[in-house]
Amino acid sequence: MRKSLQGLSPSLAASRGSAWRPLAATTLRQASRLLARLARKLATTRAAPRSAAEPLLEFYAEAGAPEGALYLDGQLIGHLPGVTRL
């Protein structure tokens, strides 16, 4: 069973809460508008492109790897024979 103030007395229901409800409704509407505006702004913000990053240079001279293998951004670009470390 659900209890409500309207079931008890219409005048009691009107006097209780009628002062704060419009204020609460207005506050919630304004907060909703502000959050919607913030969400639109964040959705249109783009991250910096990754192509502007410096190239990644890797060198391998370990057991099991090709001796002196030189990679640029994951692509083999050559070998450095006889070189064991850079």
PDB file of N, CA and C in Angstrom:
ATOM      1  N   MET A   1       0.843  -1.178   0.000  1.00  0.00           N
ATOM      2  CA  MET A   1       0.000   0.000   0.000  1.00  0.00           C
ATOM      3  C   MET A   1       0.889   1.243   0.000  1.00  0.00           C
ATOM      4  N   ARG A   2       0.545   2.177  -0.808  1.00  0.00           N
ATOM      5  CA  ARG A   2       1.346   3.388  -0.935  1.00  0.00           C
ATOM      6  C   ARG A   2       0.629   4.548  -0.253  1.00  0.00           C
ATOM      7  N   LYS A   3       1.339   5.215   0.618  1.00  0.00           N
ATOM      8  CA  LYS A   3       0.748   6.342   1.332  1.00  0.00           C
ATOM      9  C   LYS A   3       1.104   7.637   0.622  1.00  0.00           C
ATOM     10  N   SER A   4       0.193   8.559   0.596  1.00  0.00           N
ATOM     11  CA  SER A   4       0.463   9.870   0.020  1.00  0.00           C
ATOM     12  C   SER A   4      -0.279  10.925   0.813  1.00  0.00           C
ATOM     13  N   LEU A   5       0.197  12.142   0.705  1.00  0.00           N
ATOM     14  CA  LEU A   5      -0.453  13.253   1.399  1.00  0.00           C
ATOM     15  C   LEU A   5      -1.797  13.600   0.773  1.00  0.00           C
ATOM     16  N   GLN A   6      -1.963  13.310  -0.527  1.00  0.00           N
ATOM     17  CA  GLN A   6      -3.223  13.617  -1.186  1.00  0.00           C
ATOM     18  C   GLN A   6      -4.359  12.775  -0.599  1.00  0.00           C
ATOM     19  N   GLY A   7      -4.053  11.559  -0.173  1.00  0.00           N
ATOM     20  CA  GLY A   7      -5.071  10.699   0.406  1.00  0.00           C
ATOM     21  C   GLY A   7      -5.519  11.176   1.778  1.00  0.00           C
ATOM     22  N   LEU A   8      -4.648  11.891   2.468  1.00  0.00           N
ATOM     23  CA  LEU A   8      -4.989  12.342   3.810  1.00  0.00           C
ATOM     24  C   LEU A   8      -5.846  13.600   3.787  1.00  0.00           C
ATOM     25  N   SER A   9      -5.335  14.611   3.166  1.00  0.00           N
ATOM     26  CA  SER A   9      -6.059  15.874   3.146  1.00  0.00           C
ATOM     27  C   SER A   9      -5.545  16.727   1.982  1.00  0.00           C
ATOM     28  N   PRO A  10      -6.398  17.202   1.095  1.00  0.00           N
ATOM     29  CA  PRO A  10      -5.950  18.019  -0.031  1.00  0.00           C
ATOM     30  C   PRO A  10      -5.271  19.313   0.417  1.00  0.00           C
ATOM     31  N   SER A  11      -5.732  19.916   1.476  1.00  0.00           N
ATOM     32  CA  SER A  11      -5.113  21.157   1.931  1.00  0.00           C
ATOM     33  C   SER A  11      -3.729  20.901   2.520  1.00  0.00           C
ATOM     34  N   LEU A  12      -3.545  19.756   3.187  1.00  0.00           N
ATOM     35  CA  LEU A  12      -2.243  19.407   3.740  1.00  0.00           C
ATOM     36  C   LEU A  12      -1.249  19.139   2.608  1.00  0.00           C
ATOM     37  N   ALA A  13      -1.690  18.456   1.559  1.00  0.00           N
ATOM     38  CA  ALA A  13      -0.816  18.159   0.422  1.00  0.00           C
ATOM     39  C   ALA A  13      -0.409  19.432  -0.292  1.00  0.00           C
ATOM     40  N   ALA A  14      -1.293  20.389  -0.394  1.00  0.00           N
ATOM     41  CA  ALA A  14      -0.987  21.642  -1.079  1.00  0.00           C
ATOM     42  C   ALA A  14      -0.027  22.490  -0.269  1.00  0.00           C
ATOM     43  N   SER A  15      -0.140  22.448   1.058  1.00  0.00           N
ATOM     44  CA  SER A  15       0.723  23.290   1.877  1.00  0.00           C
ATOM     45  C   SER A  15       2.113  22.695   2.046  1.00  0.00           C
ATOM     46  N   ARG A  16       2.216  21.366   2.036  1.00  0.00           N
ATOM     47  CA  ARG A  16       3.512  20.709   2.216  1.00  0.00           C
ATOM     48  C   ARG A  16       4.202  20.556   0.867  1.00  0.00           C
ATOM     49  N   GLY A  17       5.341  21.119   0.682  1.00  0.00           N
ATOM     50  CA  GLY A  17       6.112  20.908  -0.532  1.00  0.00           C
ATOM     51  C   GLY A  17       5.819  21.858  -1.659  1.00  0.00           C
ATOM     52  N   SER A  18       4.784  22.642  -1.586  1.00  0.00           N
ATOM     53  CA  SER A  18       4.486  23.522  -2.701  1.00  0.00           C
ATOM     54  C   SER A  18       5.497  24.658  -2.802  1.00  0.00           C
ATOM     55  N   ALA A  19       6.192  24.974  -1.728  1.00  0.00           N
ATOM     56  CA  ALA A  19       7.169  26.065  -1.752  1.00  0.00           C
ATOM     57  C   ALA A  19       8.478  25.633  -2.402  1.00  0.00           C
ATOM     58  N   TRP A  20       8.907  24.423  -2.191  1.00  0.00           N
ATOM     59  CA  TRP A  20      10.210  24.007  -2.703  1.00  0.00           C
ATOM     60  C   TRP A  20      10.149  23.314  -4.052  1.00  0.00           C
ATOM     61  N   ARG A  21       9.016  22.785  -4.439  1.00  0.00           N
ATOM     62  CA  ARG A  21       8.916  22.056  -5.716  1.00  0.00           C
ATOM     63  C   ARG A  21       9.231  22.918  -6.934  1.00  0.00           C
ATOM     64  N   PRO A  22       8.665  24.116  -7.085  1.00  0.00           N
ATOM     65  CA  PRO A  22       9.018  24.933  -8.254  1.00  0.00           C
ATOM     66  C   PRO A  22      10.497  25.312  -8.276  1.00  0.00           C
ATOM     67  N   LEU A  23      11.049  25.593  -7.111  1.00  0.00           N
ATOM     68  CA  LEU A  23      12.467  25.926  -7.031  1.00  0.00           C
ATOM     69  C   LEU A  23      13.326  24.728  -7.424  1.00  0.00           C
ATOM     70  N   ALA A  24      12.964  23.553  -6.928  1.00  0.00           N
ATOM     71  CA  ALA A  24      13.705  22.339  -7.280  1.00  0.00           C
ATOM     72  C   ALA A  24      13.593  22.043  -8.773  1.00  0.00           C
ATOM     73  N   ALA A  25      12.392  22.204  -9.329  1.00  0.00           N
ATOM     74  CA  ALA A  25      12.195  21.947 -10.756  1.00  0.00           C
ATOM     75  C   ALA A  25      13.018  22.907 -11.607  1.00  0.00           C
ATOM     76  N   THR A  26      13.042  24.173 -11.242  1.00  0.00           N
ATOM     77  CA  THR A  26      13.820  25.167 -11.983  1.00  0.00           C
ATOM     78  C   THR A  26      15.313  24.868 -11.891  1.00  0.00           C
ATOM     79  N   THR A  27      15.771  24.520 -10.696  1.00  0.00           N
ATOM     80  CA  THR A  27      17.180  24.191 -10.508  1.00  0.00           C
ATOM     81  C   THR A  27      17.579  22.974 -11.333  1.00  0.00           C
ATOM     82  N   LEU A  28      16.754  21.945 -11.332  1.00  0.00           N
ATOM     83  CA  LEU A  28      17.056  20.745 -12.111  1.00  0.00           C
ATOM     84  C   LEU A  28      17.048  21.015 -13.616  1.00  0.00           C
ATOM     85  N   ARG A  29      16.114  21.842 -14.090  1.00  0.00           N
ATOM     86  CA  ARG A  29      16.093  22.186 -15.517  1.00  0.00           C
ATOM     87  C   ARG A  29      17.353  22.939 -15.924  1.00  0.00           C
ATOM     88  N   GLN A  30      17.783  23.897 -15.100  1.00  0.00           N
ATOM     89  CA  GLN A  30      18.989  24.660 -15.416  1.00  0.00           C
ATOM     90  C   GLN A  30      20.235  23.773 -15.379  1.00  0.00           C
ATOM     91  N   ALA A  31      20.298  22.874 -14.410  1.00  0.00           N
ATOM     92  CA  ALA A  31      21.430  21.943 -14.338  1.00  0.00           C
ATOM     93  C   ALA A  31      21.445  21.040 -15.565  1.00  0.00           C
ATOM     94  N   SER A  32      20.268  20.616 -16.012  1.00  0.00           N
ATOM     95  CA  SER A  32      20.178  19.774 -17.202  1.00  0.00           C
ATOM     96  C   SER A  32      20.672  20.515 -18.440  1.00  0.00           C
ATOM     97  N   ARG A  33      20.282  21.772 -18.600  1.00  0.00           N
ATOM     98  CA  ARG A  33      20.749  22.573 -19.740  1.00  0.00           C
ATOM     99  C   ARG A  33      22.261  22.745 -19.713  1.00  0.00           C
ATOM    100  N   LEU A  34      22.799  23.013 -18.531  1.00  0.00           N
ATOM    101  CA  LEU A  34      24.239  23.204 -18.391  1.00  0.00           C
ATOM    102  C   LEU A  34      24.996  21.925 -18.729  1.00  0.00           C
ATOM    103  N   LEU A  35      24.526  20.784 -18.253  1.00  0.00           N
ATOM    104  CA  LEU A  35      25.179  19.515 -18.549  1.00  0.00           C
ATOM    105  C   LEU A  35      25.061  19.146 -20.025  1.00  0.00           C
ATOM    106  N   ALA A  36      23.945  19.452 -20.655  1.00  0.00           N
ATOM    107  CA  ALA A  36      23.790  19.186 -22.086  1.00  0.00           C
ATOM    108  C   ALA A  36      24.761  20.030 -22.902  1.00  0.00           C
ATOM    109  N   ARG A  37      24.912  21.301 -22.521  1.00  0.00           N
ATOM    110  CA  ARG A  37      25.853  22.179 -23.209  1.00  0.00           C
ATOM    111  C   ARG A  37      27.290  21.680 -23.043  1.00  0.00           C
ATOM    112  N   LEU A  38      27.623  21.246 -21.831  1.00  0.00           N
ATOM    113  CA  LEU A  38      28.958  20.711 -21.578  1.00  0.00           C
ATOM    114  C   LEU A  38      29.201  19.433 -22.374  1.00  0.00           C
ATOM    115  N   ALA A  39      28.200  18.569 -22.466  1.00  0.00           N
ATOM    116  CA  ALA A  39      28.337  17.329 -23.233  1.00  0.00           C
ATOM    117  C   ALA A  39      28.557  17.616 -24.709  1.00  0.00           C
ATOM    118  N   ARG A  40      27.834  18.598 -25.261  1.00  0.00           N
ATOM    119  CA  ARG A  40      28.041  18.954 -26.676  1.00  0.00           C
ATOM    120  C   ARG A  40      29.438  19.496 -26.908  1.00  0.00           C
ATOM    121  N   LYS A  41      29.932  20.301 -25.964  1.00  0.00           N
ATOM    122  CA  LYS A  41      31.268  20.873 -26.109  1.00  0.00           C
ATOM    123  C   LYS A  41      32.334  19.785 -26.043  1.00  0.00           C
ATOM    124  N   LEU A  42      32.182  18.850 -25.132  1.00  0.00           N
ATOM    125  CA  LEU A  42      33.158  17.769 -25.008  1.00  0.00           C
ATOM    126  C   LEU A  42      33.116  16.824 -26.201  1.00  0.00           C
ATOM    127  N   ALA A  43      31.949  16.631 -26.777  1.00  0.00           N
ATOM    128  CA  ALA A  43      31.817  15.737 -27.923  1.00  0.00           C
ATOM    129  C   ALA A  43      32.486  16.314 -29.163  1.00  0.00           C
ATOM    130  N   THR A  44      32.544  17.631 -29.284  1.00  0.00           N
ATOM    131  CA  THR A  44      33.141  18.240 -30.474  1.00  0.00           C
ATOM    132  C   THR A  44      34.639  18.458 -30.321  1.00  0.00           C
ATOM    133  N   THR A  45      35.183  18.316 -29.129  1.00  0.00           N
ATOM    134  CA  THR A  45      36.612  18.481 -28.915  1.00  0.00           C
ATOM    135  C   THR A  45      37.340  17.272 -29.485  1.00  0.00           C
ATOM    136  N   ARG A  46      38.322  17.510 -30.295  1.00  0.00           N
ATOM    137  CA  ARG A  46      39.091  16.430 -30.925  1.00  0.00           C
ATOM    138  C   ARG A  46      40.476  16.336 -30.293  1.00  0.00           C
ATOM    139  N   ALA A  47      40.985  15.123 -30.245  1.00  0.00           N
ATOM    140  CA  ALA A  47      42.340  14.905 -29.745  1.00  0.00           C
ATOM    141  C   ALA A  47      43.338  15.261 -30.852  1.00  0.00           C
ATOM    142  N   ALA A  48      44.553  15.573 -30.453  1.00  0.00           N
ATOM    143  CA  ALA A  48      45.603  15.896 -31.420  1.00  0.00           C
ATOM    144  C   ALA A  48      45.912  14.655 -32.252  1.00  0.00           C
ATOM    145  N   PRO A  49      46.158  14.821 -33.538  1.00  0.00           N
ATOM    146  CA  PRO A  49      46.456  13.659 -34.381  1.00  0.00           C
ATOM    147  C   PRO A  49      47.764  13.001 -33.970  1.00  0.00           C
ATOM    148  N   ARG A  50      47.804  11.679 -34.061  1.00  0.00           N
ATOM    149  CA  ARG A  50      48.985  10.925 -33.648  1.00  0.00           C
ATOM    150  C   ARG A  50      50.089  10.999 -34.695  1.00  0.00           C
ATOM    151  N   SER A  51      49.795  11.455 -35.894  1.00  0.00           N
ATOM    152  CA  SER A  51      50.811  11.509 -36.939  1.00  0.00           C
ATOM    153  C   SER A  51      51.888  12.548 -36.617  1.00  0.00           C
ATOM    154  N   ALA A  52      51.580  13.465 -35.704  1.00  0.00           N
ATOM    155  CA  ALA A  52      52.553  14.485 -35.341  1.00  0.00           C
ATOM    156  C   ALA A  52      53.617  13.958 -34.369  1.00  0.00           C
ATOM    157  N   ALA A  53      53.445  12.725 -33.893  1.00  0.00           N
ATOM    158  CA  ALA A  53      54.401  12.152 -32.944  1.00  0.00           C
ATOM    159  C   ALA A  53      55.716  11.834 -33.647  1.00  0.00           C
ATOM    160  N   GLU A  54      56.782  11.799 -32.876  1.00  0.00           N
ATOM    161  CA  GLU A  54      58.094  11.465 -33.432  1.00  0.00           C
ATOM    162  C   GLU A  54      58.126   9.997 -33.851  1.00  0.00           C
ATOM    163  N   PRO A  55      58.886   9.665 -34.880  1.00  0.00           N
ATOM    164  CA  PRO A  55      58.974   8.266 -35.298  1.00  0.00           C
ATOM    165  C   PRO A  55      59.657   7.422 -34.220  1.00  0.00           C
ATOM    166  N   LEU A  56      59.242   6.175 -34.130  1.00  0.00           N
ATOM    167  CA  LEU A  56      59.793   5.255 -33.149  1.00  0.00           C
ATOM    168  C   LEU A  56      60.895   4.438 -33.803  1.00  0.00           C
ATOM    169  N   LEU A  57      62.126   4.565 -33.309  1.00  0.00           N
ATOM    170  CA  LEU A  57      63.280   3.850 -33.840  1.00  0.00           C
ATOM    171  C   LEU A  57      63.649   2.740 -32.870  1.00  0.00           C
ATOM    172  N   GLU A  58      63.738   1.492 -33.387  1.00  0.00           N
ATOM    173  CA  GLU A  58      64.057   0.335 -32.550  1.00  0.00           C
ATOM    174  C   GLU A  58      65.255  -0.396 -33.126  1.00  0.00           C
ATOM    175  N   PHE A  59      66.093  -0.932 -32.234  1.00  0.00           N
ATOM    176  CA  PHE A  59      67.266  -1.692 -32.635  1.00  0.00           C
ATOM    177  C   PHE A  59      67.277  -3.000 -31.869  1.00  0.00           C
ATOM    178  N   TYR A  60      67.490  -4.121 -32.579  1.00  0.00           N
ATOM    179  CA  TYR A  60      67.530  -5.430 -31.937  1.00  0.00           C
ATOM    180  C   TYR A  60      68.863  -6.099 -32.220  1.00  0.00           C
ATOM    181  N   ALA A  61      69.511  -6.541 -31.172  1.00  0.00           N
ATOM    182  CA  ALA A  61      70.730  -7.338 -31.287  1.00  0.00           C
ATOM    183  C   ALA A  61      70.702  -8.389 -30.185  1.00  0.00           C
ATOM    184  N   GLU A  62      69.596  -9.085 -30.073  1.00  0.00           N
ATOM    185  CA  GLU A  62      69.411 -10.077 -29.026  1.00  0.00           C
ATOM    186  C   GLU A  62      69.407 -11.469 -29.639  1.00  0.00           C
ATOM    187  N   ALA A  63      69.554 -12.456 -28.784  1.00  0.00           N
ATOM    188  CA  ALA A  63      69.506 -13.839 -29.248  1.00  0.00           C
ATOM    189  C   ALA A  63      68.116 -14.125 -29.809  1.00  0.00           C
ATOM    190  N   GLY A  64      68.071 -14.757 -30.957  1.00  0.00           N
ATOM    191  CA  GLY A  64      66.805 -15.084 -31.587  1.00  0.00           C
ATOM    192  C   GLY A  64      66.298 -14.004 -32.524  1.00  0.00           C
ATOM    193  N   ALA A  65      66.825 -12.816 -32.433  1.00  0.00           N
ATOM    194  CA  ALA A  65      66.421 -11.730 -33.325  1.00  0.00           C
ATOM    195  C   ALA A  65      67.494 -11.567 -34.394  1.00  0.00           C
ATOM    196  N   PRO A  66      67.144 -11.039 -35.554  1.00  0.00           N
ATOM    197  CA  PRO A  66      68.170 -10.796 -36.569  1.00  0.00           C
ATOM    198  C   PRO A  66      69.225  -9.837 -36.015  1.00  0.00           C
ATOM    199  N   GLU A  67      70.500 -10.207 -36.151  1.00  0.00           N
ATOM    200  CA  GLU A  67      71.580  -9.366 -35.615  1.00  0.00           C
ATOM    201  C   GLU A  67      71.570  -7.995 -36.245  1.00  0.00           C
ATOM    202  N   GLY A  68      71.532  -6.977 -35.412  1.00  0.00           N
ATOM    203  CA  GLY A  68      71.636  -5.606 -35.876  1.00  0.00           C
ATOM    204  C   GLY A  68      70.426  -5.119 -36.657  1.00  0.00           C
ATOM    205  N   ALA A  69      69.252  -5.667 -36.389  1.00  0.00           N
ATOM    206  CA  ALA A  69      68.056  -5.248 -37.127  1.00  0.00           C
ATOM    207  C   ALA A  69      67.617  -3.868 -36.648  1.00  0.00           C
ATOM    208  N   LEU A  70      67.348  -2.993 -37.602  1.00  0.00           N
ATOM    209  CA  LEU A  70      66.927  -1.627 -37.309  1.00  0.00           C
ATOM    210  C   LEU A  70      65.512  -1.427 -37.850  1.00  0.00           C
ATOM    211  N   TYR A  71      64.600  -1.007 -36.957  1.00  0.00           N
ATOM    212  CA  TYR A  71      63.188  -0.830 -37.314  1.00  0.00           C
ATOM    213  C   TYR A  71      62.789   0.624 -37.116  1.00  0.00           C
ATOM    214  N   LEU A  72      61.931   1.114 -37.991  1.00  0.00           N
ATOM    215  CA  LEU A  72      61.356   2.448 -37.862  1.00  0.00           C
ATOM    216  C   LEU A  72      59.840   2.295 -37.898  1.00  0.00           C
ATOM    217  N   ASP A  73      59.185   2.656 -36.799  1.00  0.00           N
ATOM    218  CA  ASP A  73      57.733   2.508 -36.658  1.00  0.00           C
ATOM    219  C   ASP A  73      57.266   1.088 -36.990  1.00  0.00           C
ATOM    220  N   GLY A  74      58.022   0.090 -36.525  1.00  0.00           N
ATOM    221  CA  GLY A  74      57.643  -1.300 -36.712  1.00  0.00           C
ATOM    222  C   GLY A  74      58.004  -1.889 -38.057  1.00  0.00           C
ATOM    223  N   GLN A  75      58.602  -1.119 -38.962  1.00  0.00           N
ATOM    224  CA  GLN A  75      58.997  -1.605 -40.289  1.00  0.00           C
ATOM    225  C   GLN A  75      60.512  -1.786 -40.327  1.00  0.00           C
ATOM    226  N   LEU A  76      60.951  -2.952 -40.792  1.00  0.00           N
ATOM    227  CA  LEU A  76      62.383  -3.223 -40.923  1.00  0.00           C
ATOM    228  C   LEU A  76      62.962  -2.312 -42.002  1.00  0.00           C
ATOM    229  N   ILE A  77      63.977  -1.527 -41.618  1.00  0.00           N
ATOM    230  CA  ILE A  77      64.581  -0.637 -42.613  1.00  0.00           C
ATOM    231  C   ILE A  77      66.007  -1.051 -42.961  1.00  0.00           C
ATOM    232  N   GLY A  78      66.588  -1.989 -42.204  1.00  0.00           N
ATOM    233  CA  GLY A  78      67.916  -2.449 -42.556  1.00  0.00           C
ATOM    234  C   GLY A  78      68.583  -3.210 -41.428  1.00  0.00           C
ATOM    235  N   HIS A  79      69.823  -3.651 -41.744  1.00  0.00           N
ATOM    236  CA  HIS A  79      70.642  -4.364 -40.763  1.00  0.00           C
ATOM    237  C   HIS A  79      71.953  -3.624 -40.576  1.00  0.00           C
ATOM    238  N   LEU A  80      72.477  -3.682 -39.368  1.00  0.00           N
ATOM    239  CA  LEU A  80      73.778  -3.101 -39.069  1.00  0.00           C
ATOM    240  C   LEU A  80      74.701  -4.255 -38.685  1.00  0.00           C
ATOM    241  N   PRO A  81      75.410  -4.810 -39.667  1.00  0.00           N
ATOM    242  CA  PRO A  81      76.237  -5.998 -39.375  1.00  0.00           C
ATOM    243  C   PRO A  81      77.364  -5.654 -38.403  1.00  0.00           C
ATOM    244  N   GLY A  82      77.571  -6.573 -37.455  1.00  0.00           N
ATOM    245  CA  GLY A  82      78.634  -6.421 -36.483  1.00  0.00           C
ATOM    246  C   GLY A  82      78.304  -5.503 -35.320  1.00  0.00           C
ATOM    247  N   VAL A  83      77.184  -4.805 -35.341  1.00  0.00           N
ATOM    248  CA  VAL A  83      76.807  -3.891 -34.261  1.00  0.00           C
ATOM    249  C   VAL A  83      75.961  -4.680 -33.249  1.00  0.00           C
ATOM    250  N   THR A  84      76.373  -4.634 -31.983  1.00  0.00           N
ATOM    251  CA  THR A  84      75.636  -5.364 -30.957  1.00  0.00           C
ATOM    252  C   THR A  84      74.845  -4.455 -30.040  1.00  0.00           C
ATOM    253  N   ARG A  85      75.175  -3.174 -30.031  1.00  0.00           N
ATOM    254  CA  ARG A  85      74.406  -2.218 -29.235  1.00  0.00           C
ATOM    255  C   ARG A  85      74.588  -0.805 -29.759  1.00  0.00           C
ATOM    256  N   LEU A  86      73.585   0.026 -29.520  1.00  0.00           N
ATOM    257  CA  LEU A  86      73.637   1.428 -29.941  1.00  0.00           C
ATOM    258  C   LEU A  86      73.734   2.335 -28.735  1.00  0.00           C
TER     259      LEU A  86
END
